[in-house]
N, C-alpha and C. Protein backbone atom coordinates (compact mmCIF):
# COMPACT_ATOMS: atom_id res chain seq x y z
N MET A 1 139.08 54.64 97.38
CA MET A 1 138.49 53.39 96.93
C MET A 1 137.40 54.06 95.72
N PHE A 2 136.76 54.72 95.56
CA PHE A 2 135.94 55.01 94.55
C PHE A 2 136.85 55.05 93.20
N PRO A 3 137.76 55.65 93.17
CA PRO A 3 138.40 55.27 91.68
C PRO A 3 138.82 54.07 91.35
N PHE A 4 139.61 53.14 92.23
CA PHE A 4 139.35 51.46 92.09
C PHE A 4 138.17 51.03 91.86
N ARG A 5 137.53 51.13 92.24
CA ARG A 5 136.17 50.77 91.93
C ARG A 5 135.81 50.97 90.29
N ALA A 6 135.88 52.47 90.32
CA ALA A 6 135.68 52.85 88.97
C ALA A 6 136.53 52.08 87.72
N MET A 7 137.64 52.16 88.07
CA MET A 7 138.71 51.55 87.07
C MET A 7 138.39 50.11 87.19
N TRP A 8 137.87 49.30 88.56
CA TRP A 8 137.64 47.80 88.08
C TRP A 8 136.38 47.64 87.22
N PHE A 9 135.27 49.04 87.14
CA PHE A 9 134.28 48.22 86.37
C PHE A 9 134.57 48.81 84.88
N LEU A 10 135.46 49.79 84.72
CA LEU A 10 136.08 50.05 83.44
C LEU A 10 136.48 49.01 82.80
N VAL A 11 137.26 48.36 83.38
CA VAL A 11 138.01 46.64 83.04
C VAL A 11 136.98 45.86 82.67
N LEU A 12 135.94 45.85 83.60
CA LEU A 12 134.76 44.59 83.09
C LEU A 12 134.09 44.88 82.04
N VAL A 13 133.80 46.20 81.94
CA VAL A 13 133.26 46.79 80.86
C VAL A 13 133.91 46.60 79.39
N VAL A 14 135.10 46.58 79.59
CA VAL A 14 136.18 46.24 78.15
C VAL A 14 136.09 45.34 78.01
N ASN A 15 136.54 44.64 78.92
CA ASN A 15 136.47 42.72 79.15
C ASN A 15 135.07 41.86 78.37
N PHE A 16 133.95 42.42 79.20
CA PHE A 16 132.67 42.44 78.12
C PHE A 16 132.70 42.36 77.02
N LEU A 17 132.83 43.57 76.70
CA LEU A 17 132.97 44.38 75.47
C LEU A 17 133.97 43.39 74.23
N VAL A 18 135.00 42.98 74.65
CA VAL A 18 136.01 42.37 73.83
C VAL A 18 135.41 40.97 73.71
N VAL A 19 134.93 39.94 75.00
CA VAL A 19 134.37 38.77 74.88
C VAL A 19 133.42 38.89 74.10
N ALA A 20 132.62 39.73 74.10
CA ALA A 20 131.09 39.83 73.63
C ALA A 20 131.19 39.66 71.91
N THR A 21 132.03 40.59 71.65
CA THR A 21 132.47 40.59 70.09
C THR A 21 133.32 39.31 69.17
N VAL A 22 133.94 38.87 70.27
CA VAL A 22 134.79 37.64 70.18
C VAL A 22 133.21 36.32 69.94
N CYS A 23 132.44 36.38 70.78
CA CYS A 23 131.73 35.57 70.78
C CYS A 23 130.52 35.45 69.47
N ALA A 24 130.51 36.78 69.10
CA ALA A 24 129.49 37.13 68.57
C ALA A 24 130.40 36.92 67.01
N MET A 25 131.33 37.23 66.63
CA MET A 25 132.05 36.74 65.42
C MET A 25 132.36 34.97 65.49
N ILE A 26 132.63 34.10 66.30
CA ILE A 26 132.53 33.14 66.11
C ILE A 26 131.37 32.64 65.79
N ALA A 27 130.15 32.97 66.52
CA ALA A 27 128.64 32.79 66.27
C ALA A 27 127.88 33.11 64.84
N ALA A 28 128.67 34.00 64.09
CA ALA A 28 128.41 34.86 62.85
C ALA A 28 128.82 33.76 61.98
N PHE A 29 130.31 33.53 62.43
CA PHE A 29 130.85 32.73 61.78
C PHE A 29 130.44 31.31 61.46
N LEU A 30 130.25 30.65 62.77
CA LEU A 30 129.53 29.20 62.59
C LEU A 30 128.12 29.15 61.49
N ALA A 31 127.26 30.41 61.87
CA ALA A 31 126.15 30.36 61.59
C ALA A 31 126.19 30.06 59.67
N TYR A 32 127.15 31.22 59.37
CA TYR A 32 127.33 30.93 58.14
C TYR A 32 128.08 29.84 57.42
N GLY A 33 129.00 29.08 58.19
CA GLY A 33 129.28 27.68 58.09
C GLY A 33 128.32 26.78 57.75
N PHE A 34 127.37 26.70 58.57
CA PHE A 34 126.14 25.99 58.78
C PHE A 34 125.18 26.52 57.21
N ALA A 35 125.08 27.79 56.93
CA ALA A 35 124.12 28.20 56.22
C ALA A 35 124.61 27.62 54.63
N LEU A 36 126.02 27.34 54.78
CA LEU A 36 126.73 27.34 53.52
C LEU A 36 126.57 25.82 53.28
N THR A 37 126.57 24.93 54.35
CA THR A 37 126.50 23.81 54.24
C THR A 37 125.24 23.16 53.92
N MET A 38 123.87 23.95 54.51
CA MET A 38 122.59 23.48 54.16
C MET A 38 122.63 24.25 52.88
N SER A 39 122.82 25.12 52.45
CA SER A 39 122.51 25.32 50.89
C SER A 39 122.88 24.61 50.23
N TYR A 40 123.95 23.94 50.57
CA TYR A 40 124.35 22.84 49.07
C TYR A 40 123.32 21.87 49.55
N LEU A 41 122.90 21.56 50.62
CA LEU A 41 122.23 20.23 50.68
C LEU A 41 120.58 20.92 50.15
N LEU A 42 119.97 22.02 50.69
CA LEU A 42 118.76 22.41 50.07
C LEU A 42 118.01 23.42 49.29
N LEU A 43 118.99 23.97 48.98
CA LEU A 43 118.84 25.19 48.48
C LEU A 43 118.88 24.96 46.68
N PRO A 44 118.51 25.85 45.57
CA PRO A 44 118.67 25.77 44.07
C PRO A 44 120.48 25.66 44.27
N THR A 45 120.88 25.12 42.85
CA THR A 45 122.26 25.71 43.05
C THR A 45 122.63 26.89 42.49
N GLU A 46 121.78 27.78 41.87
CA GLU A 46 122.04 29.18 41.92
C GLU A 46 122.18 30.09 42.58
N TRP A 47 121.67 29.73 43.90
CA TRP A 47 121.84 30.12 45.56
C TRP A 47 122.75 30.05 46.13
N THR A 48 123.08 28.53 45.72
CA THR A 48 124.32 27.50 46.60
C THR A 48 125.33 28.55 45.65
N ARG A 49 125.32 28.48 44.33
CA ARG A 49 126.88 29.12 44.07
C ARG A 49 127.36 30.93 43.64
N ALA A 50 126.19 31.44 44.26
CA ALA A 50 125.94 32.90 44.78
C ALA A 50 126.72 32.88 45.74
N LEU A 51 125.89 32.03 46.64
CA LEU A 51 127.04 32.49 47.95
C LEU A 51 128.20 31.71 48.28
N TRP A 52 128.47 30.76 47.66
CA TRP A 52 130.41 30.17 47.57
C TRP A 52 131.38 30.69 46.49
N HIS A 53 130.20 31.62 45.89
CA HIS A 53 131.24 32.52 45.04
C HIS A 53 131.19 33.82 46.24
N TRP A 54 130.61 34.30 46.65
CA TRP A 54 130.94 35.04 47.74
C TRP A 54 131.69 34.94 48.95
N ALA A 55 131.55 33.59 49.47
CA ALA A 55 132.49 33.05 50.22
C ALA A 55 134.21 33.13 49.79
N ALA A 56 133.93 32.59 48.42
CA ALA A 56 135.23 32.26 48.19
C ALA A 56 135.88 33.96 47.47
N ASP A 57 135.15 34.51 47.18
CA ASP A 57 136.14 36.18 47.61
C ASP A 57 136.18 36.91 48.40
N LEU A 58 135.34 36.36 49.74
CA LEU A 58 135.80 37.23 50.87
C LEU A 58 137.29 36.41 51.25
N TYR A 59 137.15 35.01 51.23
CA TYR A 59 138.33 34.42 51.67
C TYR A 59 139.55 34.74 50.78
N ALA A 60 139.67 35.31 49.59
CA ALA A 60 140.47 35.98 48.61
C ALA A 60 141.26 37.37 49.41
N GLN A 61 139.91 38.10 50.05
CA GLN A 61 140.15 39.24 50.36
C GLN A 61 140.61 39.69 51.74
N SER A 62 140.12 38.25 52.85
CA SER A 62 139.92 39.00 54.26
C SER A 62 141.41 37.57 54.64
N ARG A 63 142.57 38.13 55.64
CA ARG A 63 143.07 37.10 56.17
C ARG A 63 142.31 36.75 57.30
N TRP A 64 141.17 37.24 57.95
CA TRP A 64 140.53 37.02 59.29
C TRP A 64 139.85 36.09 58.79
N PHE A 65 139.11 36.02 57.54
CA PHE A 65 138.42 35.17 57.03
C PHE A 65 138.87 33.79 57.00
N LYS A 66 139.69 33.70 56.03
CA LYS A 66 140.47 32.82 55.83
C LYS A 66 140.83 31.96 57.38
N GLY A 67 141.77 32.93 58.23
CA GLY A 67 141.79 32.07 59.66
C GLY A 67 140.60 31.35 60.16
N ALA A 68 139.56 31.81 59.65
CA ALA A 68 138.36 31.48 60.63
C ALA A 68 137.77 30.30 59.73
N VAL A 69 138.19 30.45 58.45
CA VAL A 69 137.65 29.04 57.27
C VAL A 69 138.79 28.13 57.47
N ILE A 70 139.74 28.29 58.10
CA ILE A 70 140.73 27.39 58.28
C ILE A 70 140.39 26.61 59.59
N THR A 71 140.15 27.48 61.15
CA THR A 71 139.61 27.14 62.29
C THR A 71 138.79 26.06 61.88
N PHE A 72 137.67 26.77 61.27
CA PHE A 72 136.24 25.78 61.54
C PHE A 72 136.09 24.40 60.73
N PHE A 73 137.19 24.27 59.78
CA PHE A 73 137.25 23.01 58.84
C PHE A 73 138.31 22.08 60.09
N VAL A 74 139.40 22.90 60.65
CA VAL A 74 140.04 22.11 61.35
C VAL A 74 139.17 21.42 62.54
N LEU A 75 138.35 22.35 63.43
CA LEU A 75 137.54 21.85 64.03
C LEU A 75 136.36 20.65 63.84
N LEU A 76 135.89 20.92 62.78
CA LEU A 76 134.58 20.12 61.76
C LEU A 76 135.34 18.97 62.11
N PHE A 77 136.75 18.80 61.52
CA PHE A 77 137.16 17.39 60.81
C PHE A 77 138.11 16.51 61.97
N LEU A 78 138.28 17.33 63.07
CA LEU A 78 139.15 16.55 64.52
C LEU A 78 138.09 15.04 64.82
N PRO A 79 137.22 15.33 64.99
CA PRO A 79 136.66 14.17 65.67
C PRO A 79 136.51 12.99 64.59
N ILE A 80 136.85 13.63 63.42
CA ILE A 80 136.82 12.35 62.16
C ILE A 80 138.41 11.98 62.11
N LEU A 81 139.59 12.78 62.22
CA LEU A 81 140.74 12.32 62.77
C LEU A 81 141.23 11.37 63.64
N GLU A 82 140.30 11.96 64.51
CA GLU A 82 140.30 10.81 65.75
C GLU A 82 140.10 9.52 65.65
N VAL A 83 139.65 9.13 64.92
CA VAL A 83 139.11 7.79 64.98
C VAL A 83 140.06 7.54 63.29
N TRP A 84 140.70 7.80 62.52
CA TRP A 84 140.99 7.59 61.69
C TRP A 84 141.48 6.64 61.61
N PRO A 85 141.69 5.61 60.30
CA PRO A 85 142.23 4.05 60.27
C PRO A 85 143.81 4.00 60.80
N GLY A 86 144.58 5.12 60.57
CA GLY A 86 145.94 5.17 60.75
C GLY A 86 146.61 4.53 61.97
N ARG A 87 145.37 5.24 62.87
CA ARG A 87 145.67 4.65 64.42
C ARG A 87 145.21 3.47 65.02
N ASP A 88 146.02 2.84 65.82
CA ASP A 88 145.55 1.66 66.47
C ASP A 88 145.14 1.69 67.58
N PRO A 89 144.71 2.06 67.82
CA PRO A 89 143.56 1.99 69.45
C PRO A 89 144.18 1.23 70.29
N GLU A 90 144.71 -0.07 69.95
CA GLU A 90 145.21 -1.15 70.98
C GLU A 90 146.60 -0.17 71.75
N THR A 91 147.23 -0.17 70.52
CA THR A 91 148.69 0.95 70.40
C THR A 91 148.40 1.89 71.48
N GLU A 92 147.47 2.77 70.89
CA GLU A 92 147.69 3.94 71.68
C GLU A 92 146.74 3.59 73.32
N ALA A 93 146.12 2.84 73.73
CA ALA A 93 145.59 2.62 74.73
C ALA A 93 147.40 2.06 75.58
N ALA A 94 148.04 1.10 74.86
CA ALA A 94 149.07 0.68 75.56
C ALA A 94 150.07 1.56 75.71
N ARG A 95 150.60 2.50 75.24
CA ARG A 95 151.08 3.85 75.18
C ARG A 95 150.45 4.65 76.38
N LYS A 96 149.16 4.81 76.31
CA LYS A 96 148.71 5.63 77.54
C LYS A 96 149.05 4.89 79.11
N ARG A 97 148.77 3.70 78.71
CA ARG A 97 148.68 3.00 80.09
C ARG A 97 150.49 2.81 80.52
N GLN A 98 151.08 2.47 79.56
CA GLN A 98 152.71 3.04 80.20
C GLN A 98 152.92 4.39 80.54
N ALA A 99 152.56 5.35 79.98
CA ALA A 99 153.05 6.72 80.50
C ALA A 99 152.17 7.33 82.12
N LYS A 100 150.86 6.50 82.03
CA LYS A 100 150.87 6.65 83.23
C LYS A 100 151.22 5.62 84.23
N ARG A 101 151.68 4.65 83.78
CA ARG A 101 152.59 3.92 84.69
C ARG A 101 153.73 4.71 85.29
N ILE A 102 154.32 5.25 84.08
CA ILE A 102 155.59 6.14 84.68
C ILE A 102 155.39 7.05 85.49
N ASP A 103 154.43 8.07 85.18
CA ASP A 103 154.04 8.93 86.16
C ASP A 103 153.64 8.66 87.56
N ASP A 104 152.88 7.51 87.70
CA ASP A 104 153.08 6.51 88.66
C ASP A 104 154.25 6.26 89.70
N ASP A 105 154.84 5.71 88.84
CA ASP A 105 156.36 5.57 89.47
C ASP A 105 157.25 6.83 89.98
N LEU A 106 156.97 7.81 88.98
CA LEU A 106 157.64 9.01 89.69
C LEU A 106 157.42 9.76 90.67
N ALA A 107 155.75 9.31 91.10
CA ALA A 107 154.73 10.43 91.98
C ALA A 107 155.56 9.50 93.17
N ALA A 108 155.80 7.81 92.91
CA ALA A 108 155.95 7.54 94.14
C ALA A 108 157.49 7.35 94.61
N ALA A 109 158.33 7.37 93.18
CA ALA A 109 159.95 7.95 93.58
C ALA A 109 159.84 9.28 94.53
N ARG A 110 159.32 10.00 94.28
CA ARG A 110 158.88 11.67 94.87
C ARG A 110 158.54 11.40 96.16
N LEU A 111 157.37 10.88 96.47
CA LEU A 111 157.01 10.68 97.65
C LEU A 111 157.93 10.05 98.84
N GLN A 112 158.36 9.02 98.30
CA GLN A 112 159.57 8.37 98.95
C GLN A 112 160.49 8.90 99.40
N ALA A 113 161.12 10.12 98.33
CA ALA A 113 162.37 10.80 98.85
C ALA A 113 161.66 11.59 99.98
N LEU A 114 160.57 12.06 99.72
CA LEU A 114 160.49 13.00 100.48
C LEU A 114 159.78 12.42 102.15
N SER A 115 159.58 11.23 102.30
CA SER A 115 159.85 10.95 103.56
C SER A 115 160.49 10.25 103.73
N GLN A 116 161.78 10.00 103.48
CA GLN A 116 163.40 9.59 103.49
C GLN A 116 164.08 11.08 104.26
N ALA A 117 163.47 12.07 103.24
CA ALA A 117 164.20 13.39 103.97
C ALA A 117 163.41 13.51 105.29
N LYS A 118 162.10 13.37 105.22
CA LYS A 118 161.72 13.69 106.45
C LYS A 118 162.25 13.24 107.93
N LEU A 119 162.59 11.62 107.53
CA LEU A 119 162.95 10.86 108.62
C LEU A 119 164.49 11.34 108.66
N ARG A 120 165.21 11.64 108.10
CA ARG A 120 166.46 12.24 108.22
C ARG A 120 166.82 13.37 108.88
N GLY A 121 165.66 14.33 109.04
CA GLY A 121 165.33 15.47 109.73
C GLY A 121 165.50 16.45 109.04
């Protein structure tokens, strides 16, 4: 019993370390993105230019940072794209209603087939 508990404890420790590292990286990147954004609004131009230059150099050198930047801006602009004028809310609602009706019809047909199968034997 002890070896299994020891192995399980090691799995939990490794899982904690991996999750904590990933969360720390995400939090650090979000904090850096927030700092860059706030520097544009609040700090002197020279400081902002230095921060952006450092970020541009890191973006050019690191694949991880490049992926993190793309992910950050995609997540930042998703709410904007949700209400983008190219979408018609009425058409979206009608499409969702039709999909729900089709799902309900399929569920009803499946239940009817099951009940008929039970009646037959």
